[in-house]
């Protein structure tokens, strides 16, 4: 009886999340709660704008994390972080001194597919990275639950051809509609073997 109680106690302890160490590098599917700008200090002119982001952790993909929500700091030189434009994203964050920081500019927009999985549209940046020139990963036709559309009505033709090329996108009525893409595992591997490898992160 004592052995049974001990076993049950260990099971409850393991399931409670105690003893789970948060990883230095964490990749997770996140659902946006809030992304807010952090005011600069009086008299300070920062090189990058600072933001505090709060997300629900839908699924941990790489690394470990014991919570259901996460806060992290992001920096952006051009305005607000691109990931803030999407409700669900694959996010890349790093733990330093007890706080998480976003790997600058790195994320993948995610959308549900008709079979219940998460996937993102073809990413010309990741496929075009010099470290991914010989990648065995290929884009594939994705059956998204709802059409994934990007407004390109103000983009120049050359810009559209570079970032939303056929046959990976279909251009209709000023919108680029995603036809091809990748599931989460391949999206991560393209990042890991491309820009993140060049930075020496998430290896």
C-alpha atoms as a PDB file:
ATOM      1  CA  UNK A   1       0.000   0.000   0.000  1.00  0.00           C
ATOM      2  CA  UNK A   2       2.814   2.347   0.897  1.00  0.00           C
ATOM      3  CA  UNK A   3       4.501   1.626  -2.453  1.00  0.00           C
ATOM      4  CA  UNK A   4       1.245   2.378  -4.286  1.00  0.00           C
ATOM      5  CA  UNK A   5       0.838   5.722  -2.490  1.00  0.00           C
ATOM      6  CA  UNK A   6       4.449   6.595  -3.255  1.00  0.00           C
ATOM      7  CA  UNK A   7       3.961   5.783  -6.938  1.00  0.00           C
ATOM      8  CA  UNK A   8       0.787   7.869  -7.070  1.00  0.00           C
ATOM      9  CA  UNK A   9       2.591  10.774  -5.403  1.00  0.00           C
ATOM     10  CA  UNK A  10       5.408  10.654  -7.926  1.00  0.00           C
ATOM     11  CA  UNK A  11       2.877  10.575 -10.773  1.00  0.00           C
ATOM     12  CA  UNK A  12       1.040  13.642  -9.465  1.00  0.00           C
ATOM     13  CA  UNK A  13       4.354  15.443  -8.959  1.00  0.00           C
ATOM     14  CA  UNK A  14       5.432  14.684 -12.528  1.00  0.00           C
ATOM     15  CA  UNK A  15       2.103  15.783 -13.972  1.00  0.00           C
ATOM     16  CA  UNK A  16       2.026  19.021 -11.988  1.00  0.00           C
ATOM     17  CA  UNK A  17       4.934  20.464 -13.969  1.00  0.00           C
ATOM     18  CA  UNK A  18       7.264  20.854 -10.969  1.00  0.00           C
ATOM     19  CA  UNK A  19      10.809  20.011 -11.874  1.00  0.00           C
ATOM     20  CA  UNK A  20      10.271  20.895 -15.551  1.00  0.00           C
ATOM     21  CA  UNK A  21      13.072  23.207 -16.590  1.00  0.00           C
ATOM     22  CA  UNK A  22      12.300  25.871 -19.167  1.00  0.00           C
ATOM     23  CA  UNK A  23      14.587  25.548 -22.178  1.00  0.00           C
ATOM     24  CA  UNK A  24      17.066  28.203 -23.250  1.00  0.00           C
ATOM     25  CA  UNK A  25      15.727  27.954 -26.792  1.00  0.00           C
ATOM     26  CA  UNK A  26      11.991  27.560 -27.176  1.00  0.00           C
ATOM     27  CA  UNK A  27       9.888  27.193 -30.302  1.00  0.00           C
ATOM     28  CA  UNK A  28       6.132  27.119 -29.827  1.00  0.00           C
ATOM     29  CA  UNK A  29       2.810  27.626 -31.534  1.00  0.00           C
ATOM     30  CA  UNK A  30       1.429  30.766 -29.951  1.00  0.00           C
ATOM     31  CA  UNK A  31      -1.954  32.472 -29.898  1.00  0.00           C
ATOM     32  CA  UNK A  32      -1.763  36.224 -29.488  1.00  0.00           C
ATOM     33  CA  UNK A  33      -3.070  37.770 -26.288  1.00  0.00           C
ATOM     34  CA  UNK A  34      -1.354  41.157 -26.488  1.00  0.00           C
ATOM     35  CA  UNK A  35       1.638  42.937 -28.019  1.00  0.00           C
ATOM     36  CA  UNK A  36       2.332  46.353 -26.502  1.00  0.00           C
ATOM     37  CA  UNK A  37       5.039  48.930 -27.103  1.00  0.00           C
ATOM     38  CA  UNK A  38       7.319  49.724 -24.160  1.00  0.00           C
ATOM     39  CA  UNK A  39       7.851  53.501 -23.874  1.00  0.00           C
ATOM     40  CA  UNK A  40      11.438  54.652 -24.231  1.00  0.00           C
ATOM     41  CA  UNK A  41      13.078  56.271 -21.252  1.00  0.00           C
ATOM     42  CA  UNK A  42      12.928  60.051 -21.108  1.00  0.00           C
ATOM     43  CA  UNK A  43      15.591  61.552 -23.345  1.00  0.00           C
ATOM     44  CA  UNK A  44      16.471  58.152 -24.858  1.00  0.00           C
ATOM     45  CA  UNK A  45      16.415  57.574 -28.622  1.00  0.00           C
ATOM     46  CA  UNK A  46      16.654  53.788 -28.961  1.00  0.00           C
ATOM     47  CA  UNK A  47      17.939  52.091 -32.100  1.00  0.00           C
ATOM     48  CA  UNK A  48      15.077  49.569 -31.902  1.00  0.00           C
ATOM     49  CA  UNK A  49      11.574  49.881 -30.530  1.00  0.00           C
ATOM     50  CA  UNK A  50      10.835  47.549 -27.615  1.00  0.00           C
ATOM     51  CA  UNK A  51       7.655  45.511 -27.213  1.00  0.00           C
ATOM     52  CA  UNK A  52       6.245  43.233 -24.535  1.00  0.00           C
ATOM     53  CA  UNK A  53       4.298  40.325 -25.971  1.00  0.00           C
ATOM     54  CA  UNK A  54       1.982  37.917 -24.196  1.00  0.00           C
ATOM     55  CA  UNK A  55       0.899  34.680 -25.872  1.00  0.00           C
ATOM     56  CA  UNK A  56      -0.982  31.529 -25.034  1.00  0.00           C
ATOM     57  CA  UNK A  57       1.202  28.484 -25.593  1.00  0.00           C
ATOM     58  CA  UNK A  58      -0.913  26.299 -27.870  1.00  0.00           C
ATOM     59  CA  UNK A  59       1.806  23.708 -28.371  1.00  0.00           C
ATOM     60  CA  UNK A  60       5.501  23.487 -27.551  1.00  0.00           C
ATOM     61  CA  UNK A  61       7.400  22.264 -30.585  1.00  0.00           C
ATOM     62  CA  UNK A  62      11.079  22.573 -29.639  1.00  0.00           C
ATOM     63  CA  UNK A  63      12.327  22.745 -26.059  1.00  0.00           C
ATOM     64  CA  UNK A  64      10.263  22.632 -22.885  1.00  0.00           C
ATOM     65  CA  UNK A  65       8.071  25.149 -21.096  1.00  0.00           C
ATOM     66  CA  UNK A  66       5.952  24.586 -18.019  1.00  0.00           C
ATOM     67  CA  UNK A  67       3.340  27.326 -18.393  1.00  0.00           C
ATOM     68  CA  UNK A  68       0.256  27.830 -20.547  1.00  0.00           C
ATOM     69  CA  UNK A  69       1.047  31.507 -21.202  1.00  0.00           C
ATOM     70  CA  UNK A  70       4.328  33.253 -21.880  1.00  0.00           C
ATOM     71  CA  UNK A  71       5.624  36.815 -21.913  1.00  0.00           C
ATOM     72  CA  UNK A  72       8.636  37.849 -23.930  1.00  0.00           C
ATOM     73  CA  UNK A  73      10.400  40.974 -25.114  1.00  0.00           C
ATOM     74  CA  UNK A  74      10.754  41.760 -28.809  1.00  0.00           C
ATOM     75  CA  UNK A  75      12.738  44.433 -30.607  1.00  0.00           C
ATOM     76  CA  UNK A  76      11.996  45.848 -34.038  1.00  0.00           C
ATOM     77  CA  UNK A  77      13.832  48.518 -35.998  1.00  0.00           C
ATOM     78  CA  UNK A  78      11.131  49.102 -38.605  1.00  0.00           C
ATOM     79  CA  UNK A  79       7.965  49.507 -36.528  1.00  0.00           C
ATOM     80  CA  UNK A  80       5.914  46.861 -34.772  1.00  0.00           C
ATOM     81  CA  UNK A  81       6.907  43.164 -34.859  1.00  0.00           C
ATOM     82  CA  UNK A  82       5.610  41.350 -37.915  1.00  0.00           C
ATOM     83  CA  UNK A  83       4.311  38.447 -35.849  1.00  0.00           C
ATOM     84  CA  UNK A  84       1.825  40.789 -34.167  1.00  0.00           C
ATOM     85  CA  UNK A  85      -0.176  40.882 -37.400  1.00  0.00           C
ATOM     86  CA  UNK A  86      -1.262  37.257 -36.991  1.00  0.00           C
ATOM     87  CA  UNK A  87      -3.401  35.457 -34.453  1.00  0.00           C
ATOM     88  CA  UNK A  88      -1.374  32.230 -34.537  1.00  0.00           C
ATOM     89  CA  UNK A  89       2.364  32.001 -35.179  1.00  0.00           C
ATOM     90  CA  UNK A  90       5.331  29.717 -34.752  1.00  0.00           C
ATOM     91  CA  UNK A  91       7.563  31.758 -32.440  1.00  0.00           C
ATOM     92  CA  UNK A  92      11.264  31.507 -31.610  1.00  0.00           C
ATOM     93  CA  UNK A  93      12.363  32.807 -28.207  1.00  0.00           C
ATOM     94  CA  UNK A  94      15.505  32.587 -26.066  1.00  0.00           C
ATOM     95  CA  UNK A  95      15.774  32.539 -22.263  1.00  0.00           C
ATOM     96  CA  UNK A  96      18.272  34.971 -20.755  1.00  0.00           C
ATOM     97  CA  UNK A  97      18.522  35.858 -17.058  1.00  0.00           C
ATOM     98  CA  UNK A  98      15.070  34.450 -16.367  1.00  0.00           C
ATOM     99  CA  UNK A  99      13.330  36.327 -19.204  1.00  0.00           C
ATOM    100  CA  UNK A 100      12.433  35.318 -22.726  1.00  0.00           C
ATOM    101  CA  UNK A 101      13.467  37.377 -25.743  1.00  0.00           C
ATOM    102  CA  UNK A 102      12.230  36.976 -29.291  1.00  0.00           C
ATOM    103  CA  UNK A 103      14.748  35.917 -31.926  1.00  0.00           C
ATOM    104  CA  UNK A 104      14.636  39.110 -33.960  1.00  0.00           C
ATOM    105  CA  UNK A 105      12.290  38.998 -36.963  1.00  0.00           C
ATOM    106  CA  UNK A 106      11.896  35.208 -36.821  1.00  0.00           C
ATOM    107  CA  UNK A 107       8.389  33.738 -36.928  1.00  0.00           C
ATOM    108  CA  UNK A 108       6.014  31.819 -39.186  1.00  0.00           C
ATOM    109  CA  UNK A 109       2.326  32.693 -39.586  1.00  0.00           C
ATOM    110  CA  UNK A 110       0.224  29.593 -38.990  1.00  0.00           C
ATOM    111  CA  UNK A 111      -3.208  28.530 -40.147  1.00  0.00           C
ATOM    112  CA  UNK A 112      -5.333  25.451 -39.575  1.00  0.00           C
ATOM    113  CA  UNK A 113      -5.656  22.914 -42.382  1.00  0.00           C
ATOM    114  CA  UNK A 114      -8.761  20.924 -43.227  1.00  0.00           C
ATOM    115  CA  UNK A 115      -7.281  17.858 -41.536  1.00  0.00           C
ATOM    116  CA  UNK A 116      -6.695  19.772 -38.277  1.00  0.00           C
ATOM    117  CA  UNK A 117      -2.966  20.422 -38.551  1.00  0.00           C
ATOM    118  CA  UNK A 118      -1.025  23.702 -38.480  1.00  0.00           C
ATOM    119  CA  UNK A 119       0.760  24.945 -41.581  1.00  0.00           C
ATOM    120  CA  UNK A 120       2.186  28.141 -43.027  1.00  0.00           C
ATOM    121  CA  UNK A 121       2.323  29.503 -46.585  1.00  0.00           C
ATOM    122  CA  UNK A 122       5.410  29.234 -48.772  1.00  0.00           C
ATOM    123  CA  UNK A 123       8.176  31.448 -47.350  1.00  0.00           C
ATOM    124  CA  UNK A 124      10.402  32.881 -50.067  1.00  0.00           C
ATOM    125  CA  UNK A 125      12.805  34.317 -47.462  1.00  0.00           C
ATOM    126  CA  UNK A 126      13.581  30.969 -45.830  1.00  0.00           C
ATOM    127  CA  UNK A 127      13.778  29.025 -49.074  1.00  0.00           C
ATOM    128  CA  UNK A 128      15.994  31.761 -50.493  1.00  0.00           C
ATOM    129  CA  UNK A 129      18.472  31.775 -47.607  1.00  0.00           C
ATOM    130  CA  UNK A 130      21.951  30.747 -48.772  1.00  0.00           C
ATOM    131  CA  UNK A 131      22.119  27.936 -46.191  1.00  0.00           C
ATOM    132  CA  UNK A 132      18.944  26.398 -47.620  1.00  0.00           C
ATOM    133  CA  UNK A 133      20.013  26.248 -51.253  1.00  0.00           C
ATOM    134  CA  UNK A 134      20.490  22.483 -51.045  1.00  0.00           C
ATOM    135  CA  UNK A 135      17.620  21.754 -48.661  1.00  0.00           C
ATOM    136  CA  UNK A 136      15.717  18.513 -49.325  1.00  0.00           C
ATOM    137  CA  UNK A 137      12.569  20.191 -47.968  1.00  0.00           C
ATOM    138  CA  UNK A 138      10.038  21.022 -50.642  1.00  0.00           C
ATOM    139  CA  UNK A 139       6.891  23.152 -50.487  1.00  0.00           C
ATOM    140  CA  UNK A 140       3.678  21.201 -50.936  1.00  0.00           C
ATOM    141  CA  UNK A 141       0.083  21.990 -51.759  1.00  0.00           C
ATOM    142  CA  UNK A 142      -1.701  22.766 -48.486  1.00  0.00           C
ATOM    143  CA  UNK A 143      -5.443  22.394 -48.068  1.00  0.00           C
ATOM    144  CA  UNK A 144      -6.028  25.283 -45.669  1.00  0.00           C
ATOM    145  CA  UNK A 145      -9.274  25.358 -43.712  1.00  0.00           C
ATOM    146  CA  UNK A 146      -9.881  28.928 -44.889  1.00  0.00           C
ATOM    147  CA  UNK A 147      -8.196  30.764 -47.760  1.00  0.00           C
ATOM    148  CA  UNK A 148      -4.908  32.354 -46.704  1.00  0.00           C
ATOM    149  CA  UNK A 149      -4.864  35.757 -48.395  1.00  0.00           C
ATOM    150  CA  UNK A 150      -2.264  38.542 -48.296  1.00  0.00           C
ATOM    151  CA  UNK A 151      -3.098  42.037 -49.525  1.00  0.00           C
ATOM    152  CA  UNK A 152      -0.571  42.902 -52.245  1.00  0.00           C
ATOM    153  CA  UNK A 153      -2.575  45.658 -53.910  1.00  0.00           C
ATOM    154  CA  UNK A 154       0.083  48.268 -53.071  1.00  0.00           C
ATOM    155  CA  UNK A 155       3.084  46.118 -53.955  1.00  0.00           C
ATOM    156  CA  UNK A 156       5.082  46.586 -57.127  1.00  0.00           C
ATOM    157  CA  UNK A 157       4.983  43.753 -59.645  1.00  0.00           C
ATOM    158  CA  UNK A 158       8.640  42.857 -59.047  1.00  0.00           C
ATOM    159  CA  UNK A 159       7.994  42.667 -55.304  1.00  0.00           C
ATOM    160  CA  UNK A 160       5.040  40.332 -55.811  1.00  0.00           C
ATOM    161  CA  UNK A 161       7.026  38.090 -58.151  1.00  0.00           C
ATOM    162  CA  UNK A 162       9.860  37.851 -55.621  1.00  0.00           C
ATOM    163  CA  UNK A 163       7.916  37.225 -52.422  1.00  0.00           C
ATOM    164  CA  UNK A 164       4.694  35.658 -53.712  1.00  0.00           C
ATOM    165  CA  UNK A 165       5.782  33.724 -56.800  1.00  0.00           C
ATOM    166  CA  UNK A 166       3.682  31.337 -58.869  1.00  0.00           C
ATOM    167  CA  UNK A 167       2.795  28.513 -58.484  1.00  0.00           C
ATOM    168  CA  UNK A 168       3.155  28.881 -54.705  1.00  0.00           C
ATOM    169  CA  UNK A 169       0.660  31.752 -54.696  1.00  0.00           C
ATOM    170  CA  UNK A 170      -2.266  32.669 -56.883  1.00  0.00           C
ATOM    171  CA  UNK A 171      -2.712  36.408 -57.481  1.00  0.00           C
ATOM    172  CA  UNK A 172      -6.342  37.504 -57.681  1.00  0.00           C
ATOM    173  CA  UNK A 173      -7.990  40.870 -57.076  1.00  0.00           C
ATOM    174  CA  UNK A 174      -4.977  42.438 -55.412  1.00  0.00           C
ATOM    175  CA  UNK A 175      -4.458  39.446 -53.121  1.00  0.00           C
ATOM    176  CA  UNK A 176      -1.863  36.690 -52.978  1.00  0.00           C
ATOM    177  CA  UNK A 177      -3.649  33.461 -52.110  1.00  0.00           C
ATOM    178  CA  UNK A 178      -1.449  30.719 -50.646  1.00  0.00           C
ATOM    179  CA  UNK A 179      -1.472  27.457 -52.591  1.00  0.00           C
ATOM    180  CA  UNK A 180       1.753  25.855 -51.351  1.00  0.00           C
ATOM    181  CA  UNK A 181       3.329  25.840 -47.923  1.00  0.00           C
ATOM    182  CA  UNK A 182       4.783  23.617 -45.223  1.00  0.00           C
ATOM    183  CA  UNK A 183       3.740  22.054 -41.957  1.00  0.00           C
ATOM    184  CA  UNK A 184       5.323  23.072 -38.645  1.00  0.00           C
ATOM    185  CA  UNK A 185       8.189  20.584 -38.663  1.00  0.00           C
ATOM    186  CA  UNK A 186       9.437  21.726 -42.071  1.00  0.00           C
ATOM    187  CA  UNK A 187       8.937  25.413 -41.238  1.00  0.00           C
ATOM    188  CA  UNK A 188      11.135  24.947 -38.173  1.00  0.00           C
ATOM    189  CA  UNK A 189      13.823  23.013 -40.058  1.00  0.00           C
ATOM    190  CA  UNK A 190      14.039  25.726 -42.728  1.00  0.00           C
ATOM    191  CA  UNK A 191      14.592  28.314 -39.988  1.00  0.00           C
ATOM    192  CA  UNK A 192      16.973  26.111 -37.991  1.00  0.00           C
ATOM    193  CA  UNK A 193      19.127  25.189 -40.977  1.00  0.00           C
ATOM    194  CA  UNK A 194      18.969  28.662 -42.490  1.00  0.00           C
ATOM    195  CA  UNK A 195      18.940  31.997 -40.687  1.00  0.00           C
ATOM    196  CA  UNK A 196      19.134  30.492 -37.180  1.00  0.00           C
ATOM    197  CA  UNK A 197      22.153  28.370 -38.102  1.00  0.00           C
ATOM    198  CA  UNK A 198      23.825  31.464 -39.493  1.00  0.00           C
ATOM    199  CA  UNK A 199      23.181  33.142 -36.120  1.00  0.00           C
ATOM    200  CA  UNK A 200      24.287  30.085 -34.133  1.00  0.00           C
ATOM    201  CA  UNK A 201      20.867  29.715 -32.466  1.00  0.00           C
ATOM    202  CA  UNK A 202      18.397  26.861 -31.893  1.00  0.00           C
ATOM    203  CA  UNK A 203      20.842  24.147 -32.922  1.00  0.00           C
END
